Amino acid sequence: SVETAYIEPGSPSQNGCCECFNARLRDEVLNGEISYSLRDAQIQIER
């Protein structure tokens, strides 16, 4: 059986792979742009 585990947001010691990916995405894509909505951010990521 598969169990869901709660992981604290921003906890690289608990989920290093995802936290590393999220940090790189934020640094390389999202920090250089202003997003007024979630849809704006999605469009920026897809570019």
N, C-alpha and C. Protein backbone atom coordinates (compact mmCIF):
# COMPACT_ATOMS: atom_id res chain seq x y z
N SER A 1 0.84 -1.18 0.00
CA SER A 1 0.00 0.00 0.00
C SER A 1 0.89 1.25 0.00
N VAL A 2 0.39 2.30 -0.61
CA VAL A 2 1.13 3.56 -0.70
C VAL A 2 0.53 4.54 0.29
N GLU A 3 1.39 5.19 1.07
CA GLU A 3 0.93 6.17 2.04
C GLU A 3 1.40 7.56 1.63
N THR A 4 0.59 8.56 1.90
CA THR A 4 0.96 9.94 1.65
C THR A 4 1.63 10.49 2.89
N ALA A 5 2.78 11.11 2.72
CA ALA A 5 3.50 11.70 3.85
C ALA A 5 3.42 13.21 3.77
N TYR A 6 3.24 13.85 4.91
CA TYR A 6 3.22 15.31 4.95
C TYR A 6 4.65 15.82 4.96
N ILE A 7 4.95 16.75 4.08
CA ILE A 7 6.28 17.35 4.01
C ILE A 7 6.10 18.86 4.20
N GLU A 8 6.86 19.41 5.14
CA GLU A 8 6.80 20.85 5.39
C GLU A 8 7.20 21.62 4.14
N PRO A 9 6.49 22.70 3.80
CA PRO A 9 6.89 23.52 2.65
C PRO A 9 8.29 24.09 2.87
N GLY A 10 9.09 24.09 1.83
CA GLY A 10 10.44 24.63 1.92
C GLY A 10 11.38 23.83 2.80
N SER A 11 11.20 22.52 2.84
CA SER A 11 12.05 21.65 3.66
C SER A 11 12.93 20.78 2.77
N PRO A 12 14.07 21.30 2.34
CA PRO A 12 14.92 20.52 1.44
C PRO A 12 15.44 19.24 2.06
N SER A 13 15.52 19.18 3.38
CA SER A 13 16.01 17.95 4.01
C SER A 13 14.99 16.83 3.91
N GLN A 14 13.72 17.16 3.70
CA GLN A 14 12.68 16.14 3.58
C GLN A 14 12.41 15.77 2.13
N ASN A 15 12.62 16.70 1.20
CA ASN A 15 12.32 16.44 -0.20
C ASN A 15 13.28 17.24 -1.08
N GLY A 16 14.53 16.86 -1.05
CA GLY A 16 15.58 17.61 -1.72
C GLY A 16 15.43 17.76 -3.21
N CYS A 17 14.97 16.72 -3.90
CA CYS A 17 14.86 16.76 -5.36
C CYS A 17 13.86 17.83 -5.80
N CYS A 18 12.67 17.82 -5.21
CA CYS A 18 11.64 18.80 -5.58
C CYS A 18 12.05 20.21 -5.18
N GLU A 19 12.63 20.36 -3.99
CA GLU A 19 13.04 21.68 -3.55
C GLU A 19 14.12 22.25 -4.46
N CYS A 20 15.04 21.43 -4.92
CA CYS A 20 16.09 21.87 -5.83
C CYS A 20 15.48 22.32 -7.16
N PHE A 21 14.55 21.53 -7.69
CA PHE A 21 13.89 21.88 -8.95
C PHE A 21 13.13 23.19 -8.80
N ASN A 22 12.37 23.33 -7.72
CA ASN A 22 11.58 24.54 -7.50
C ASN A 22 12.47 25.77 -7.38
N ALA A 23 13.61 25.63 -6.71
CA ALA A 23 14.54 26.76 -6.56
C ALA A 23 15.10 27.17 -7.92
N ARG A 24 15.48 26.20 -8.74
CA ARG A 24 16.03 26.53 -10.06
C ARG A 24 14.97 27.17 -10.95
N LEU A 25 13.75 26.64 -10.91
CA LEU A 25 12.65 27.22 -11.70
C LEU A 25 12.41 28.66 -11.27
N ARG A 26 12.37 28.89 -9.98
CA ARG A 26 12.15 30.24 -9.46
C ARG A 26 13.28 31.17 -9.89
N ASP A 27 14.53 30.72 -9.76
CA ASP A 27 15.68 31.57 -10.10
C ASP A 27 15.77 31.84 -11.59
N GLU A 28 15.54 30.83 -12.42
CA GLU A 28 15.76 30.97 -13.86
C GLU A 28 14.57 31.52 -14.62
N VAL A 29 13.36 31.37 -14.09
CA VAL A 29 12.17 31.78 -14.85
C VAL A 29 11.36 32.84 -14.12
N LEU A 30 10.96 32.55 -12.92
CA LEU A 30 9.95 33.38 -12.27
C LEU A 30 10.48 34.66 -11.63
N ASN A 31 11.71 34.69 -11.17
CA ASN A 31 12.23 35.89 -10.51
C ASN A 31 12.41 37.06 -11.47
N GLY A 32 12.54 36.81 -12.75
CA GLY A 32 12.74 37.88 -13.71
C GLY A 32 11.46 38.47 -14.26
N GLU A 33 10.33 37.96 -13.85
CA GLU A 33 9.04 38.39 -14.40
C GLU A 33 8.08 38.76 -13.27
N ILE A 34 7.11 39.59 -13.59
CA ILE A 34 6.04 39.90 -12.65
C ILE A 34 4.81 39.13 -13.10
N SER A 35 4.25 38.36 -12.19
CA SER A 35 3.05 37.57 -12.48
C SER A 35 1.89 38.15 -11.68
N TYR A 36 0.83 38.49 -12.39
CA TYR A 36 -0.34 39.04 -11.72
C TYR A 36 -1.37 37.97 -11.39
N SER A 37 -1.16 36.77 -11.92
CA SER A 37 -2.08 35.67 -11.63
C SER A 37 -1.34 34.35 -11.82
N LEU A 38 -1.96 33.28 -11.37
CA LEU A 38 -1.39 31.96 -11.56
C LEU A 38 -1.27 31.65 -13.05
N ARG A 39 -2.24 32.07 -13.84
CA ARG A 39 -2.21 31.83 -15.29
C ARG A 39 -1.01 32.54 -15.92
N ASP A 40 -0.72 33.77 -15.49
CA ASP A 40 0.46 34.48 -16.00
C ASP A 40 1.73 33.69 -15.73
N ALA A 41 1.86 33.15 -14.53
CA ALA A 41 3.04 32.35 -14.17
C ALA A 41 3.11 31.09 -15.02
N GLN A 42 1.98 30.44 -15.26
CA GLN A 42 1.96 29.23 -16.09
C GLN A 42 2.43 29.54 -17.51
N ILE A 43 2.00 30.65 -18.05
CA ILE A 43 2.41 31.04 -19.41
C ILE A 43 3.91 31.30 -19.45
N GLN A 44 4.46 31.96 -18.43
CA GLN A 44 5.90 32.22 -18.37
C GLN A 44 6.69 30.93 -18.31
N ILE A 45 6.22 29.96 -17.56
CA ILE A 45 6.91 28.68 -17.42
C ILE A 45 6.90 27.91 -18.74
N GLU A 46 5.80 27.99 -19.49
CA GLU A 46 5.67 27.24 -20.74
C GLU A 46 6.53 27.81 -21.86
N ARG A 47 6.99 29.06 -21.73
CA ARG A 47 7.82 29.67 -22.78
C ARG A 47 9.17 29.04 -22.88
